[in-house]
């Protein structure tokens, strides 16, 4: 028999130990710092061409709306081509030097009115979405945090509002106004967006109620109010913010539809794309460009917000990560 203390035995044992150590260290993984959800989403978004296209359209729209009064070549109330309006032969003057898109039936520069109208469209869409978001956050927080009969009552109200087609509900609310204005559009569109945000936030908060960090906070004796506003609500806002981006596109389309129907601001000194589209209907045969330009602007801007919102939703949703 071989002596365990012999040099050969010790050499074999040393080789075995060295081999085990090599195998143990071969699979060592270098620790790297964790990446937050927002940073991870941004890494995916900046490589997504759909998001870049949507963000580019949206950024261009916002910038033009912000500087429109200063870059518009003509005052929107001025009538520089009024002397060229002929009701029988030339009801709508066409493009010429100094007037890129021509004029409308009252001789007002069409390009200037499109630029300034972008500001009114942006204001209505953003303000209406913000009001709808605040109302939805209030109802969704109450329903998701309290639960019980309060949750049932709030959700039944939300179900009734969702059962009515959104544009029909907005039309009904806007038609109640004695004197239509820009705020009529804001209130009507905000009301139809409240149930969407409320249901979405309520579902997210119900999912948070059974999460480990909320259960841990309750076991430590944290007050219910602090649990709701410091733990449940912040972790439930992700889907709501994404929905707000998508709702901006819907708000712009709904605002244009209501203005087209004559329920928006009747003051033509403050042009708006839906209002311009409505006024173009009597001239749709002789001058279809009067309707084409505002309609094209509405479609392109709504597409930009939609592309950006869908990309953001996919980037923040773990199930949609590629």
C-alpha atoms as a PDB file:
ATOM      1  CA  UNK A   1       0.000   0.000   0.000  1.00  0.00           C
ATOM      2  CA  UNK A   2       1.087   3.553  -0.629  1.00  0.00           C
ATOM      3  CA  UNK A   3       1.968   5.545   2.461  1.00  0.00           C
ATOM      4  CA  UNK A   4      -0.428   8.522   2.855  1.00  0.00           C
ATOM      5  CA  UNK A   5       2.495  10.629   3.930  1.00  0.00           C
ATOM      6  CA  UNK A   6       4.621   9.745   0.933  1.00  0.00           C
ATOM      7  CA  UNK A   7       5.706  12.538  -1.473  1.00  0.00           C
ATOM      8  CA  UNK A   8       3.671  11.007  -4.294  1.00  0.00           C
ATOM      9  CA  UNK A   9       0.487  11.015  -2.221  1.00  0.00           C
ATOM     10  CA  UNK A  10       1.040  14.616  -1.110  1.00  0.00           C
ATOM     11  CA  UNK A  11       1.721  15.702  -4.692  1.00  0.00           C
ATOM     12  CA  UNK A  12      -1.531  14.147  -5.923  1.00  0.00           C
ATOM     13  CA  UNK A  13      -3.457  15.827  -3.101  1.00  0.00           C
ATOM     14  CA  UNK A  14      -1.932  19.204  -3.917  1.00  0.00           C
ATOM     15  CA  UNK A  15      -2.824  18.857  -7.600  1.00  0.00           C
ATOM     16  CA  UNK A  16      -6.368  17.900  -6.734  1.00  0.00           C
ATOM     17  CA  UNK A  17      -6.734  20.876  -4.421  1.00  0.00           C
ATOM     18  CA  UNK A  18      -5.317  23.232  -7.032  1.00  0.00           C
ATOM     19  CA  UNK A  19      -7.716  21.859  -9.659  1.00  0.00           C
ATOM     20  CA  UNK A  20     -10.691  22.324  -7.330  1.00  0.00           C
ATOM     21  CA  UNK A  21      -9.637  25.896  -6.626  1.00  0.00           C
ATOM     22  CA  UNK A  22      -9.365  26.598 -10.353  1.00  0.00           C
ATOM     23  CA  UNK A  23     -12.844  25.234 -11.031  1.00  0.00           C
ATOM     24  CA  UNK A  24     -14.256  27.222  -8.111  1.00  0.00           C
ATOM     25  CA  UNK A  25     -12.847  30.505  -9.391  1.00  0.00           C
ATOM     26  CA  UNK A  26     -13.543  29.853 -13.081  1.00  0.00           C
ATOM     27  CA  UNK A  27     -17.247  30.692 -12.780  1.00  0.00           C
ATOM     28  CA  UNK A  28     -16.828  33.794 -10.680  1.00  0.00           C
ATOM     29  CA  UNK A  29     -19.087  36.592 -11.896  1.00  0.00           C
ATOM     30  CA  UNK A  30     -17.843  40.134 -11.618  1.00  0.00           C
ATOM     31  CA  UNK A  31     -20.298  42.199  -9.615  1.00  0.00           C
ATOM     32  CA  UNK A  32     -21.697  45.197 -11.457  1.00  0.00           C
ATOM     33  CA  UNK A  33     -23.788  48.022 -10.044  1.00  0.00           C
ATOM     34  CA  UNK A  34     -27.557  47.689 -10.522  1.00  0.00           C
ATOM     35  CA  UNK A  35     -29.375  49.724 -13.163  1.00  0.00           C
ATOM     36  CA  UNK A  36     -32.589  51.582 -12.319  1.00  0.00           C
ATOM     37  CA  UNK A  37     -35.778  50.998 -14.290  1.00  0.00           C
ATOM     38  CA  UNK A  38     -35.708  54.512 -15.766  1.00  0.00           C
ATOM     39  CA  UNK A  39     -32.068  54.229 -16.843  1.00  0.00           C
ATOM     40  CA  UNK A  40     -32.659  50.800 -18.349  1.00  0.00           C
ATOM     41  CA  UNK A  41     -35.708  52.109 -20.220  1.00  0.00           C
ATOM     42  CA  UNK A  42     -33.730  55.066 -21.547  1.00  0.00           C
ATOM     43  CA  UNK A  43     -31.015  52.732 -22.896  1.00  0.00           C
ATOM     44  CA  UNK A  44     -33.680  50.918 -24.917  1.00  0.00           C
ATOM     45  CA  UNK A  45     -35.530  54.058 -25.980  1.00  0.00           C
ATOM     46  CA  UNK A  46     -32.550  55.843 -27.484  1.00  0.00           C
ATOM     47  CA  UNK A  47     -31.951  52.852 -29.768  1.00  0.00           C
ATOM     48  CA  UNK A  48     -35.615  52.609 -30.768  1.00  0.00           C
ATOM     49  CA  UNK A  49     -36.247  54.386 -34.129  1.00  0.00           C
ATOM     50  CA  UNK A  50     -40.004  54.509 -33.467  1.00  0.00           C
ATOM     51  CA  UNK A  51     -39.445  56.474 -30.256  1.00  0.00           C
ATOM     52  CA  UNK A  52     -36.955  58.809 -31.926  1.00  0.00           C
ATOM     53  CA  UNK A  53     -39.402  59.602 -34.727  1.00  0.00           C
ATOM     54  CA  UNK A  54     -42.255  60.227 -32.272  1.00  0.00           C
ATOM     55  CA  UNK A  55     -40.060  62.317 -29.980  1.00  0.00           C
ATOM     56  CA  UNK A  56     -38.788  64.354 -32.948  1.00  0.00           C
ATOM     57  CA  UNK A  57     -42.321  65.127 -34.149  1.00  0.00           C
ATOM     58  CA  UNK A  58     -43.445  66.015 -30.628  1.00  0.00           C
ATOM     59  CA  UNK A  59     -40.418  68.228 -29.947  1.00  0.00           C
ATOM     60  CA  UNK A  60     -40.870  70.075 -33.232  1.00  0.00           C
ATOM     61  CA  UNK A  61     -44.556  70.639 -32.465  1.00  0.00           C
ATOM     62  CA  UNK A  62     -43.860  71.961 -28.961  1.00  0.00           C
ATOM     63  CA  UNK A  63     -41.092  74.289 -30.156  1.00  0.00           C
ATOM     64  CA  UNK A  64     -43.219  75.693 -32.985  1.00  0.00           C
ATOM     65  CA  UNK A  65     -46.163  76.179 -30.640  1.00  0.00           C
ATOM     66  CA  UNK A  66     -43.947  78.047 -28.170  1.00  0.00           C
ATOM     67  CA  UNK A  67     -42.431  80.451 -30.708  1.00  0.00           C
ATOM     68  CA  UNK A  68     -45.367  80.674 -33.136  1.00  0.00           C
ATOM     69  CA  UNK A  69     -46.411  84.295 -32.373  1.00  0.00           C
ATOM     70  CA  UNK A  70     -42.867  85.502 -33.058  1.00  0.00           C
ATOM     71  CA  UNK A  71     -42.110  83.483 -36.204  1.00  0.00           C
ATOM     72  CA  UNK A  72     -45.484  83.842 -37.921  1.00  0.00           C
ATOM     73  CA  UNK A  73     -44.906  86.117 -40.922  1.00  0.00           C
ATOM     74  CA  UNK A  74     -48.322  87.820 -40.580  1.00  0.00           C
ATOM     75  CA  UNK A  75     -50.710  88.762 -37.826  1.00  0.00           C
ATOM     76  CA  UNK A  76     -53.515  86.200 -37.702  1.00  0.00           C
ATOM     77  CA  UNK A  77     -56.141  88.978 -37.718  1.00  0.00           C
ATOM     78  CA  UNK A  78     -54.612  90.866 -40.652  1.00  0.00           C
ATOM     79  CA  UNK A  79     -56.224  90.549 -44.097  1.00  0.00           C
ATOM     80  CA  UNK A  80     -53.386  91.290 -46.571  1.00  0.00           C
ATOM     81  CA  UNK A  81     -55.070  89.397 -49.447  1.00  0.00           C
ATOM     82  CA  UNK A  82     -58.628  90.591 -48.880  1.00  0.00           C
ATOM     83  CA  UNK A  83     -58.581  92.599 -52.101  1.00  0.00           C
ATOM     84  CA  UNK A  84     -57.920  89.388 -54.062  1.00  0.00           C
ATOM     85  CA  UNK A  85     -60.920  87.503 -52.652  1.00  0.00           C
ATOM     86  CA  UNK A  86     -63.574  87.125 -55.361  1.00  0.00           C
ATOM     87  CA  UNK A  87     -66.639  85.170 -54.098  1.00  0.00           C
ATOM     88  CA  UNK A  88     -67.513  83.977 -57.602  1.00  0.00           C
ATOM     89  CA  UNK A  89     -64.179  83.452 -59.356  1.00  0.00           C
ATOM     90  CA  UNK A  90     -61.509  83.340 -56.621  1.00  0.00           C
ATOM     91  CA  UNK A  91     -63.029  82.740 -53.153  1.00  0.00           C
ATOM     92  CA  UNK A  92     -59.707  81.567 -51.699  1.00  0.00           C
ATOM     93  CA  UNK A  93     -56.456  83.230 -52.889  1.00  0.00           C
ATOM     94  CA  UNK A  94     -53.713  80.731 -53.653  1.00  0.00           C
ATOM     95  CA  UNK A  95     -49.995  80.806 -52.731  1.00  0.00           C
ATOM     96  CA  UNK A  96     -47.925  83.760 -53.868  1.00  0.00           C
ATOM     97  CA  UNK A  97     -44.825  85.674 -52.841  1.00  0.00           C
ATOM     98  CA  UNK A  98     -44.917  86.352 -49.105  1.00  0.00           C
ATOM     99  CA  UNK A  99     -47.791  83.934 -48.562  1.00  0.00           C
ATOM    100  CA  UNK A 100     -46.455  80.378 -48.605  1.00  0.00           C
ATOM    101  CA  UNK A 101     -49.825  78.603 -48.406  1.00  0.00           C
ATOM    102  CA  UNK A 102     -52.058  81.371 -49.657  1.00  0.00           C
ATOM    103  CA  UNK A 103     -54.946  82.786 -47.664  1.00  0.00           C
ATOM    104  CA  UNK A 104     -58.373  81.783 -46.413  1.00  0.00           C
ATOM    105  CA  UNK A 105     -61.732  83.125 -47.569  1.00  0.00           C
ATOM    106  CA  UNK A 106     -61.196  86.346 -45.609  1.00  0.00           C
ATOM    107  CA  UNK A 107     -57.729  87.076 -46.981  1.00  0.00           C
ATOM    108  CA  UNK A 108     -55.831  86.013 -43.836  1.00  0.00           C
ATOM    109  CA  UNK A 109     -52.462  84.321 -44.248  1.00  0.00           C
ATOM    110  CA  UNK A 110     -53.014  80.555 -43.898  1.00  0.00           C
ATOM    111  CA  UNK A 111     -49.464  79.657 -42.881  1.00  0.00           C
ATOM    112  CA  UNK A 112     -49.490  82.168 -40.014  1.00  0.00           C
ATOM    113  CA  UNK A 113     -52.816  80.866 -38.745  1.00  0.00           C
ATOM    114  CA  UNK A 114     -51.528  77.276 -38.826  1.00  0.00           C
ATOM    115  CA  UNK A 115     -48.487  78.237 -36.761  1.00  0.00           C
ATOM    116  CA  UNK A 116     -50.450  80.179 -34.152  1.00  0.00           C
ATOM    117  CA  UNK A 117     -53.180  77.525 -34.129  1.00  0.00           C
ATOM    118  CA  UNK A 118     -50.610  74.954 -32.981  1.00  0.00           C
ATOM    119  CA  UNK A 119     -50.299  76.836 -29.682  1.00  0.00           C
ATOM    120  CA  UNK A 120     -54.045  76.688 -29.017  1.00  0.00           C
ATOM    121  CA  UNK A 121     -54.105  72.984 -29.868  1.00  0.00           C
ATOM    122  CA  UNK A 122     -51.175  72.268 -27.561  1.00  0.00           C
ATOM    123  CA  UNK A 123     -52.667  74.257 -24.668  1.00  0.00           C
ATOM    124  CA  UNK A 124     -56.027  72.503 -24.910  1.00  0.00           C
ATOM    125  CA  UNK A 125     -54.443  69.046 -25.156  1.00  0.00           C
ATOM    126  CA  UNK A 126     -51.954  69.495 -22.311  1.00  0.00           C
ATOM    127  CA  UNK A 127     -54.271  71.307 -19.884  1.00  0.00           C
ATOM    128  CA  UNK A 128     -57.141  68.869 -20.495  1.00  0.00           C
ATOM    129  CA  UNK A 129     -54.838  65.885 -19.959  1.00  0.00           C
ATOM    130  CA  UNK A 130     -53.455  67.398 -16.751  1.00  0.00           C
ATOM    131  CA  UNK A 131     -56.954  68.003 -15.367  1.00  0.00           C
ATOM    132  CA  UNK A 132     -58.023  64.498 -16.345  1.00  0.00           C
ATOM    133  CA  UNK A 133     -54.879  63.088 -14.754  1.00  0.00           C
ATOM    134  CA  UNK A 134     -55.493  64.940 -11.477  1.00  0.00           C
ATOM    135  CA  UNK A 135     -59.107  63.783 -11.338  1.00  0.00           C
ATOM    136  CA  UNK A 136     -58.135  60.207 -12.172  1.00  0.00           C
ATOM    137  CA  UNK A 137     -55.358  60.227  -9.558  1.00  0.00           C
ATOM    138  CA  UNK A 138     -57.809  61.376  -6.911  1.00  0.00           C
ATOM    139  CA  UNK A 139     -60.461  58.752  -7.667  1.00  0.00           C
ATOM    140  CA  UNK A 140     -57.941  55.971  -8.270  1.00  0.00           C
ATOM    141  CA  UNK A 141     -56.068  56.682  -5.042  1.00  0.00           C
ATOM    142  CA  UNK A 142     -59.257  56.743  -2.986  1.00  0.00           C
ATOM    143  CA  UNK A 143     -60.545  53.506  -4.533  1.00  0.00           C
ATOM    144  CA  UNK A 144     -57.240  51.651  -4.400  1.00  0.00           C
ATOM    145  CA  UNK A 145     -56.196  52.771  -0.926  1.00  0.00           C
ATOM    146  CA  UNK A 146     -59.482  52.488   0.981  1.00  0.00           C
ATOM    147  CA  UNK A 147     -61.161  49.580  -0.822  1.00  0.00           C
ATOM    148  CA  UNK A 148     -64.470  48.134   0.381  1.00  0.00           C
ATOM    149  CA  UNK A 149     -67.682  49.965  -0.420  1.00  0.00           C
ATOM    150  CA  UNK A 150     -65.766  53.122  -1.355  1.00  0.00           C
ATOM    151  CA  UNK A 151     -63.916  51.184  -4.042  1.00  0.00           C
ATOM    152  CA  UNK A 152     -67.174  49.688  -5.317  1.00  0.00           C
ATOM    153  CA  UNK A 153     -68.918  53.078  -5.432  1.00  0.00           C
ATOM    154  CA  UNK A 154     -66.075  54.823  -7.262  1.00  0.00           C
ATOM    155  CA  UNK A 155     -65.671  52.001  -9.763  1.00  0.00           C
ATOM    156  CA  UNK A 156     -69.391  51.888 -10.552  1.00  0.00           C
ATOM    157  CA  UNK A 157     -69.277  55.604 -11.356  1.00  0.00           C
ATOM    158  CA  UNK A 158     -66.229  55.002 -13.520  1.00  0.00           C
ATOM    159  CA  UNK A 159     -67.980  52.100 -15.285  1.00  0.00           C
ATOM    160  CA  UNK A 160     -70.944  54.312 -16.128  1.00  0.00           C
ATOM    161  CA  UNK A 161     -68.639  56.962 -17.611  1.00  0.00           C
ATOM    162  CA  UNK A 162     -66.713  54.356 -19.608  1.00  0.00           C
ATOM    163  CA  UNK A 163     -69.924  52.859 -20.969  1.00  0.00           C
ATOM    164  CA  UNK A 164     -70.629  56.081 -22.889  1.00  0.00           C
ATOM    165  CA  UNK A 165     -68.550  56.659 -26.049  1.00  0.00           C
ATOM    166  CA  UNK A 166     -65.901  59.219 -25.181  1.00  0.00           C
ATOM    167  CA  UNK A 167     -66.602  61.649 -28.013  1.00  0.00           C
ATOM    168  CA  UNK A 168     -70.353  61.490 -27.351  1.00  0.00           C
ATOM    169  CA  UNK A 169     -69.761  62.239 -23.658  1.00  0.00           C
ATOM    170  CA  UNK A 170     -67.455  65.142 -24.525  1.00  0.00           C
ATOM    171  CA  UNK A 171     -70.019  66.472 -27.001  1.00  0.00           C
ATOM    172  CA  UNK A 172     -72.735  66.290 -24.330  1.00  0.00           C
ATOM    173  CA  UNK A 173     -70.633  68.114 -21.742  1.00  0.00           C
ATOM    174  CA  UNK A 174     -69.476  70.785 -24.202  1.00  0.00           C
ATOM    175  CA  UNK A 175     -73.000  71.422 -25.481  1.00  0.00           C
ATOM    176  CA  UNK A 176     -74.118  72.348 -21.943  1.00  0.00           C
ATOM    177  CA  UNK A 177     -72.018  75.510 -22.072  1.00  0.00           C
ATOM    178  CA  UNK A 178     -74.017  78.629 -22.851  1.00  0.00           C
ATOM    179  CA  UNK A 179     -71.012  80.421 -24.342  1.00  0.00           C
ATOM    180  CA  UNK A 180     -68.510  77.966 -25.892  1.00  0.00           C
ATOM    181  CA  UNK A 181     -64.868  78.818 -25.269  1.00  0.00           C
ATOM    182  CA  UNK A 182     -61.461  77.247 -25.013  1.00  0.00           C
ATOM    183  CA  UNK A 183     -62.246  76.180 -21.451  1.00  0.00           C
ATOM    184  CA  UNK A 184     -65.298  74.334 -22.718  1.00  0.00           C
ATOM    185  CA  UNK A 185     -62.992  72.031 -24.661  1.00  0.00           C
ATOM    186  CA  UNK A 186     -60.642  71.613 -21.702  1.00  0.00           C
ATOM    187  CA  UNK A 187     -63.404  70.631 -19.269  1.00  0.00           C
ATOM    188  CA  UNK A 188     -65.169  68.302 -21.707  1.00  0.00           C
ATOM    189  CA  UNK A 189     -61.982  66.437 -22.661  1.00  0.00           C
ATOM    190  CA  UNK A 190     -60.748  66.272 -19.064  1.00  0.00           C
ATOM    191  CA  UNK A 191     -63.996  64.636 -17.931  1.00  0.00           C
ATOM    192  CA  UNK A 192     -63.747  61.819 -20.476  1.00  0.00           C
ATOM    193  CA  UNK A 193     -60.145  61.119 -19.434  1.00  0.00           C
ATOM    194  CA  UNK A 194     -60.801  60.907 -15.692  1.00  0.00           C
ATOM    195  CA  UNK A 195     -62.226  57.330 -15.689  1.00  0.00           C
ATOM    196  CA  UNK A 196     -59.324  56.018 -17.788  1.00  0.00           C
ATOM    197  CA  UNK A 197     -56.711  57.254 -15.333  1.00  0.00           C
ATOM    198  CA  UNK A 198     -58.815  56.275 -12.317  1.00  0.00           C
ATOM    199  CA  UNK A 199     -59.232  52.642 -13.390  1.00  0.00           C
ATOM    200  CA  UNK A 200     -55.587  52.296 -14.373  1.00  0.00           C
ATOM    201  CA  UNK A 201     -54.276  53.733 -11.100  1.00  0.00           C
ATOM    202  CA  UNK A 202     -56.727  51.724  -9.015  1.00  0.00           C
ATOM    203  CA  UNK A 203     -55.528  48.484 -10.631  1.00  0.00           C
ATOM    204  CA  UNK A 204     -51.883  49.382 -10.024  1.00  0.00           C
ATOM    205  CA  UNK A 205     -52.533  50.256  -6.396  1.00  0.00           C
ATOM    206  CA  UNK A 206     -54.416  47.009  -5.782  1.00  0.00           C
ATOM    207  CA  UNK A 207     -51.355  45.166  -7.076  1.00  0.00           C
ATOM    208  CA  UNK A 208     -49.166  47.172  -4.699  1.00  0.00           C
ATOM    209  CA  UNK A 209     -51.342  46.389  -1.665  1.00  0.00           C
ATOM    210  CA  UNK A 210     -50.118  42.790  -1.590  1.00  0.00           C
ATOM    211  CA  UNK A 211     -46.474  43.528  -2.370  1.00  0.00           C
ATOM    212  CA  UNK A 212     -43.712  42.640   0.102  1.00  0.00           C
ATOM    213  CA  UNK A 213     -42.620  46.197   0.840  1.00  0.00           C
ATOM    214  CA  UNK A 214     -46.170  47.269   1.737  1.00  0.00           C
ATOM    215  CA  UNK A 215     -46.629  44.216   4.001  1.00  0.00           C
ATOM    216  CA  UNK A 216     -43.286  44.974   5.642  1.00  0.00           C
ATOM    217  CA  UNK A 217     -44.313  48.587   6.244  1.00  0.00           C
ATOM    218  CA  UNK A 218     -47.560  47.473   7.845  1.00  0.00           C
ATOM    219  CA  UNK A 219     -45.790  44.978  10.086  1.00  0.00           C
ATOM    220  CA  UNK A 220     -43.484  47.761  11.264  1.00  0.00           C
ATOM    221  CA  UNK A 221     -46.466  49.891  12.257  1.00  0.00           C
ATOM    222  CA  UNK A 222     -46.179  52.551   9.559  1.00  0.00           C
ATOM    223  CA  UNK A 223     -49.283  54.731   9.379  1.00  0.00           C
ATOM    224  CA  UNK A 224     -51.748  53.945   6.546  1.00  0.00           C
ATOM    225  CA  UNK A 225     -51.411  57.418   5.056  1.00  0.00           C
ATOM    226  CA  UNK A 226     -47.645  57.094   4.825  1.00  0.00           C
ATOM    227  CA  UNK A 227     -47.967  53.650   3.243  1.00  0.00           C
ATOM    228  CA  UNK A 228     -50.309  54.999   0.567  1.00  0.00           C
ATOM    229  CA  UNK A 229     -48.397  58.158  -0.360  1.00  0.00           C
ATOM    230  CA  UNK A 230     -44.831  56.956   0.216  1.00  0.00           C
ATOM    231  CA  UNK A 231     -44.996  53.332  -0.921  1.00  0.00           C
ATOM    232  CA  UNK A 232     -48.114  52.476  -2.947  1.00  0.00           C
ATOM    233  CA  UNK A 233     -48.753  55.640  -4.973  1.00  0.00           C
ATOM    234  CA  UNK A 234     -45.175  56.337  -6.204  1.00  0.00           C
ATOM    235  CA  UNK A 235     -44.785  52.729  -7.360  1.00  0.00           C
ATOM    236  CA  UNK A 236     -48.129  52.841  -9.203  1.00  0.00           C
ATOM    237  CA  UNK A 237     -47.535  55.958 -11.303  1.00  0.00           C
ATOM    238  CA  UNK A 238     -45.480  54.366 -14.091  1.00  0.00           C
ATOM    239  CA  UNK A 239     -48.391  53.047 -16.194  1.00  0.00           C
ATOM    240  CA  UNK A 240     -50.371  56.238 -15.516  1.00  0.00           C
ATOM    241  CA  UNK A 241     -47.608  58.482 -16.854  1.00  0.00           C
ATOM    242  CA  UNK A 242     -47.334  56.370 -19.993  1.00  0.00           C
ATOM    243  CA  UNK A 243     -51.116  56.567 -20.456  1.00  0.00           C
ATOM    244  CA  UNK A 244     -50.942  60.360 -20.093  1.00  0.00           C
ATOM    245  CA  UNK A 245     -48.569  60.499 -23.064  1.00  0.00           C
ATOM    246  CA  UNK A 246     -50.987  58.438 -25.157  1.00  0.00           C
ATOM    247  CA  UNK A 247     -53.956  60.485 -23.935  1.00  0.00           C
ATOM    248  CA  UNK A 248     -52.372  63.673 -25.272  1.00  0.00           C
ATOM    249  CA  UNK A 249     -52.860  62.371 -28.804  1.00  0.00           C
ATOM    250  CA  UNK A 250     -56.496  61.524 -28.084  1.00  0.00           C
ATOM    251  CA  UNK A 251     -57.044  64.926 -26.445  1.00  0.00           C
ATOM    252  CA  UNK A 252     -55.748  66.742 -29.524  1.00  0.00           C
ATOM    253  CA  UNK A 253     -58.042  64.739 -31.816  1.00  0.00           C
ATOM    254  CA  UNK A 254     -61.073  65.209 -29.542  1.00  0.00           C
ATOM    255  CA  UNK A 255     -60.426  68.944 -29.230  1.00  0.00           C
ATOM    256  CA  UNK A 256     -60.252  69.244 -33.011  1.00  0.00           C
ATOM    257  CA  UNK A 257     -63.481  67.254 -33.358  1.00  0.00           C
ATOM    258  CA  UNK A 258     -65.370  69.466 -30.910  1.00  0.00           C
ATOM    259  CA  UNK A 259     -64.042  72.644 -32.538  1.00  0.00           C
ATOM    260  CA  UNK A 260     -65.012  71.253 -35.929  1.00  0.00           C
ATOM    261  CA  UNK A 261     -68.566  70.814 -34.615  1.00  0.00           C
ATOM    262  CA  UNK A 262     -68.642  74.424 -33.401  1.00  0.00           C
ATOM    263  CA  UNK A 263     -68.329  73.698 -29.685  1.00  0.00           C
ATOM    264  CA  UNK A 264     -64.907  75.277 -29.245  1.00  0.00           C
ATOM    265  CA  UNK A 265     -63.732  78.844 -29.098  1.00  0.00           C
ATOM    266  CA  UNK A 266     -65.771  80.877 -31.646  1.00  0.00           C
ATOM    267  CA  UNK A 267     -63.277  83.745 -31.595  1.00  0.00           C
ATOM    268  CA  UNK A 268     -61.423  83.535 -34.911  1.00  0.00           C
ATOM    269  CA  UNK A 269     -58.742  85.873 -33.609  1.00  0.00           C
ATOM    270  CA  UNK A 270     -57.427  82.793 -31.788  1.00  0.00           C
ATOM    271  CA  UNK A 271     -57.171  80.157 -34.538  1.00  0.00           C
ATOM    272  CA  UNK A 272     -57.242  76.455 -33.714  1.00  0.00           C
ATOM    273  CA  UNK A 273     -56.770  73.553 -36.113  1.00  0.00           C
ATOM    274  CA  UNK A 274     -60.202  72.033 -35.543  1.00  0.00           C
ATOM    275  CA  UNK A 275     -61.840  75.431 -35.968  1.00  0.00           C
ATOM    276  CA  UNK A 276     -59.939  75.981 -39.232  1.00  0.00           C
ATOM    277  CA  UNK A 277     -60.999  72.551 -40.448  1.00  0.00           C
ATOM    278  CA  UNK A 278     -64.639  73.380 -39.779  1.00  0.00           C
ATOM    279  CA  UNK A 279     -64.470  76.683 -41.609  1.00  0.00           C
ATOM    280  CA  UNK A 280     -62.931  74.964 -44.643  1.00  0.00           C
ATOM    281  CA  UNK A 281     -65.982  72.787 -45.332  1.00  0.00           C
ATOM    282  CA  UNK A 282     -67.859  75.258 -47.596  1.00  0.00           C
ATOM    283  CA  UNK A 283     -64.761  75.460 -49.817  1.00  0.00           C
ATOM    284  CA  UNK A 284     -63.825  71.772 -49.833  1.00  0.00           C
ATOM    285  CA  UNK A 285     -64.401  71.539 -53.596  1.00  0.00           C
ATOM    286  CA  UNK A 286     -62.788  74.795 -54.744  1.00  0.00           C
ATOM    287  CA  UNK A 287     -59.958  74.888 -52.191  1.00  0.00           C
ATOM    288  CA  UNK A 288     -59.397  71.483 -50.543  1.00  0.00           C
ATOM    289  CA  UNK A 289     -56.033  72.650 -49.187  1.00  0.00           C
ATOM    290  CA  UNK A 290     -57.871  74.718 -46.555  1.00  0.00           C
ATOM    291  CA  UNK A 291     -58.917  71.429 -44.944  1.00  0.00           C
ATOM    292  CA  UNK A 292     -55.866  69.411 -45.928  1.00  0.00           C
ATOM    293  CA  UNK A 293     -53.292  71.478 -44.030  1.00  0.00           C
ATOM    294  CA  UNK A 294     -54.971  71.593 -40.574  1.00  0.00           C
ATOM    295  CA  UNK A 295     -56.074  67.963 -40.909  1.00  0.00           C
ATOM    296  CA  UNK A 296     -52.523  66.930 -41.811  1.00  0.00           C
ATOM    297  CA  UNK A 297     -51.137  68.814 -38.811  1.00  0.00           C
ATOM    298  CA  UNK A 298     -53.585  67.078 -36.461  1.00  0.00           C
ATOM    299  CA  UNK A 299     -52.725  63.642 -37.857  1.00  0.00           C
ATOM    300  CA  UNK A 300     -48.955  64.142 -37.720  1.00  0.00           C
ATOM    301  CA  UNK A 301     -48.930  65.536 -34.169  1.00  0.00           C
ATOM    302  CA  UNK A 302     -51.265  62.817 -32.863  1.00  0.00           C
ATOM    303  CA  UNK A 303     -49.042  60.217 -34.548  1.00  0.00           C
ATOM    304  CA  UNK A 304     -45.958  61.678 -32.840  1.00  0.00           C
ATOM    305  CA  UNK A 305     -47.485  61.445 -29.365  1.00  0.00           C
ATOM    306  CA  UNK A 306     -48.777  57.941 -30.094  1.00  0.00           C
ATOM    307  CA  UNK A 307     -45.414  56.625 -31.293  1.00  0.00           C
ATOM    308  CA  UNK A 308     -43.646  58.130 -28.301  1.00  0.00           C
ATOM    309  CA  UNK A 309     -46.204  56.793 -25.812  1.00  0.00           C
ATOM    310  CA  UNK A 310     -46.230  53.264 -27.240  1.00  0.00           C
ATOM    311  CA  UNK A 311     -42.433  53.117 -27.197  1.00  0.00           C
ATOM    312  CA  UNK A 312     -42.366  54.356 -23.628  1.00  0.00           C
ATOM    313  CA  UNK A 313     -44.927  51.745 -22.595  1.00  0.00           C
ATOM    314  CA  UNK A 314     -42.880  48.933 -24.139  1.00  0.00           C
ATOM    315  CA  UNK A 315     -39.674  50.194 -22.525  1.00  0.00           C
ATOM    316  CA  UNK A 316     -41.195  50.339 -19.025  1.00  0.00           C
ATOM    317  CA  UNK A 317     -43.155  47.081 -19.276  1.00  0.00           C
ATOM    318  CA  UNK A 318     -40.986  44.065 -18.271  1.00  0.00           C
ATOM    319  CA  UNK A 319     -43.175  41.756 -20.397  1.00  0.00           C
ATOM    320  CA  UNK A 320     -42.415  43.788 -23.524  1.00  0.00           C
ATOM    321  CA  UNK A 321     -38.639  44.025 -23.134  1.00  0.00           C
ATOM    322  CA  UNK A 322     -36.658  42.640 -26.022  1.00  0.00           C
END
